[in-house]
N, C-alpha and C. Protein backbone atom coordinates (compact mmCIF):
# COMPACT_ATOMS: atom_id res chain seq x y z
N MET A 1 49.54 2.62 47.69
CA MET A 1 49.64 1.28 47.15
C MET A 1 49.64 0.24 48.28
N LYS A 2 50.32 0.57 49.40
CA LYS A 2 50.37 -0.35 50.53
C LYS A 2 48.97 -0.55 51.12
N ALA A 3 48.22 0.53 51.22
CA ALA A 3 46.86 0.45 51.77
C ALA A 3 45.97 -0.40 50.86
N TYR A 4 46.19 -0.29 49.56
CA TYR A 4 45.41 -1.07 48.60
C TYR A 4 45.71 -2.56 48.77
N SER A 5 46.98 -2.90 48.98
CA SER A 5 47.37 -4.29 49.18
C SER A 5 46.76 -4.85 50.46
N ILE A 6 46.75 -4.04 51.51
CA ILE A 6 46.15 -4.47 52.77
C ILE A 6 44.65 -4.69 52.61
N LEU A 7 44.01 -3.83 51.88
CA LEU A 7 42.57 -3.97 51.64
C LEU A 7 42.26 -5.25 50.87
N ILE A 8 43.04 -5.54 49.86
CA ILE A 8 42.86 -6.78 49.09
C ILE A 8 43.05 -8.00 50.00
N ALA A 9 44.10 -7.97 50.84
CA ALA A 9 44.36 -9.07 51.76
C ALA A 9 43.19 -9.27 52.73
N LEU A 10 42.61 -8.19 53.20
CA LEU A 10 41.46 -8.29 54.10
C LEU A 10 40.26 -8.94 53.42
N PHE A 11 39.99 -8.55 52.19
CA PHE A 11 38.87 -9.13 51.46
C PHE A 11 39.08 -10.62 51.20
N ILE A 12 40.30 -10.99 50.88
CA ILE A 12 40.60 -12.41 50.68
C ILE A 12 40.43 -13.18 51.99
N SER A 13 40.91 -12.61 53.08
CA SER A 13 40.78 -13.25 54.39
C SER A 13 39.32 -13.45 54.77
N PHE A 14 38.51 -12.43 54.54
CA PHE A 14 37.08 -12.55 54.85
C PHE A 14 36.42 -13.63 54.00
N GLY A 15 36.82 -13.72 52.75
CA GLY A 15 36.27 -14.75 51.88
C GLY A 15 36.62 -16.15 52.35
N VAL A 16 37.86 -16.34 52.74
CA VAL A 16 38.30 -17.64 53.24
C VAL A 16 37.60 -17.99 54.54
N LEU A 17 37.53 -17.04 55.45
CA LEU A 17 36.89 -17.30 56.73
C LEU A 17 35.39 -17.52 56.62
N SER A 18 34.75 -16.85 55.69
CA SER A 18 33.31 -17.06 55.53
C SER A 18 33.02 -18.42 54.92
N GLY A 19 33.98 -18.98 54.21
CA GLY A 19 33.82 -20.33 53.66
C GLY A 19 33.90 -21.39 54.73
N CYS A 20 34.56 -21.08 55.82
CA CYS A 20 34.70 -22.01 56.96
C CYS A 20 33.86 -21.44 58.10
N ASN A 21 32.64 -21.88 58.21
CA ASN A 21 31.73 -21.30 59.19
C ASN A 21 32.05 -21.70 60.62
N THR A 22 32.73 -22.82 60.80
CA THR A 22 33.01 -23.29 62.15
C THR A 22 34.46 -23.73 62.26
N VAL A 23 34.89 -23.99 63.47
CA VAL A 23 36.24 -24.52 63.68
C VAL A 23 36.36 -25.88 63.00
N LYS A 24 35.30 -26.66 63.05
CA LYS A 24 35.30 -27.97 62.39
C LYS A 24 35.50 -27.80 60.89
N GLY A 25 34.88 -26.81 60.32
CA GLY A 25 35.03 -26.54 58.89
C GLY A 25 36.45 -26.15 58.54
N ILE A 26 37.08 -25.34 59.40
CA ILE A 26 38.47 -24.96 59.17
C ILE A 26 39.36 -26.20 59.23
N GLY A 27 39.12 -27.05 60.19
CA GLY A 27 39.90 -28.29 60.32
C GLY A 27 39.76 -29.18 59.09
N GLN A 28 38.55 -29.28 58.56
CA GLN A 28 38.33 -30.09 57.36
C GLN A 28 39.05 -29.49 56.17
N ASP A 29 39.05 -28.17 56.05
CA ASP A 29 39.74 -27.52 54.94
C ASP A 29 41.25 -27.73 55.03
N ILE A 30 41.79 -27.62 56.23
CA ILE A 30 43.23 -27.84 56.41
C ILE A 30 43.58 -29.29 56.11
N LYS A 31 42.74 -30.20 56.55
CA LYS A 31 42.98 -31.63 56.29
C LYS A 31 42.95 -31.91 54.79
N ALA A 32 42.01 -31.34 54.08
CA ALA A 32 41.92 -31.54 52.63
C ALA A 32 43.15 -30.96 51.93
N GLY A 33 43.60 -29.81 52.37
CA GLY A 33 44.79 -29.20 51.79
C GLY A 33 46.02 -30.06 52.04
N GLY A 34 46.14 -30.60 53.24
CA GLY A 34 47.26 -31.48 53.57
C GLY A 34 47.24 -32.75 52.74
N GLY A 35 46.05 -33.28 52.51
CA GLY A 35 45.92 -34.48 51.68
C GLY A 35 46.37 -34.22 50.25
N ALA A 36 46.03 -33.05 49.73
CA ALA A 36 46.43 -32.70 48.37
C ALA A 36 47.95 -32.55 48.27
N ILE A 37 48.55 -31.95 49.29
CA ILE A 37 50.01 -31.80 49.30
C ILE A 37 50.68 -33.17 49.40
N GLU A 38 50.15 -34.01 50.26
CA GLU A 38 50.71 -35.35 50.42
C GLU A 38 50.62 -36.15 49.13
N SER A 39 49.50 -36.06 48.47
CA SER A 39 49.30 -36.78 47.20
C SER A 39 50.30 -36.29 46.14
N THR A 40 50.48 -35.00 46.06
CA THR A 40 51.42 -34.43 45.10
C THR A 40 52.85 -34.87 45.42
N ALA A 41 53.20 -34.91 46.70
CA ALA A 41 54.54 -35.34 47.10
C ALA A 41 54.77 -36.81 46.74
N GLU A 42 53.77 -37.64 46.94
CA GLU A 42 53.89 -39.06 46.60
C GLU A 42 54.08 -39.23 45.09
N LYS A 43 53.36 -38.46 44.29
CA LYS A 43 53.50 -38.55 42.84
C LYS A 43 54.88 -38.09 42.41
N ALA A 44 55.43 -37.08 43.09
CA ALA A 44 56.75 -36.57 42.73
C ALA A 44 57.86 -37.56 43.07
N LYS A 45 57.65 -38.39 44.08
CA LYS A 45 58.64 -39.40 44.47
C LYS A 45 58.82 -40.46 43.39
N LYS A 46 57.73 -40.79 42.71
CA LYS A 46 57.74 -41.89 41.73
C LYS A 46 58.32 -41.51 40.42
């Protein structure tokens, strides 16, 4: 079962990394994720 979980994690990691072809792409993805978190936090304050 542990090996199965590791295999699933590897496939997910490869999918995420293939979506970000460059370091610039990774930076843009992180920035977009941070913006979404910030927006949600602002809405929760109100």
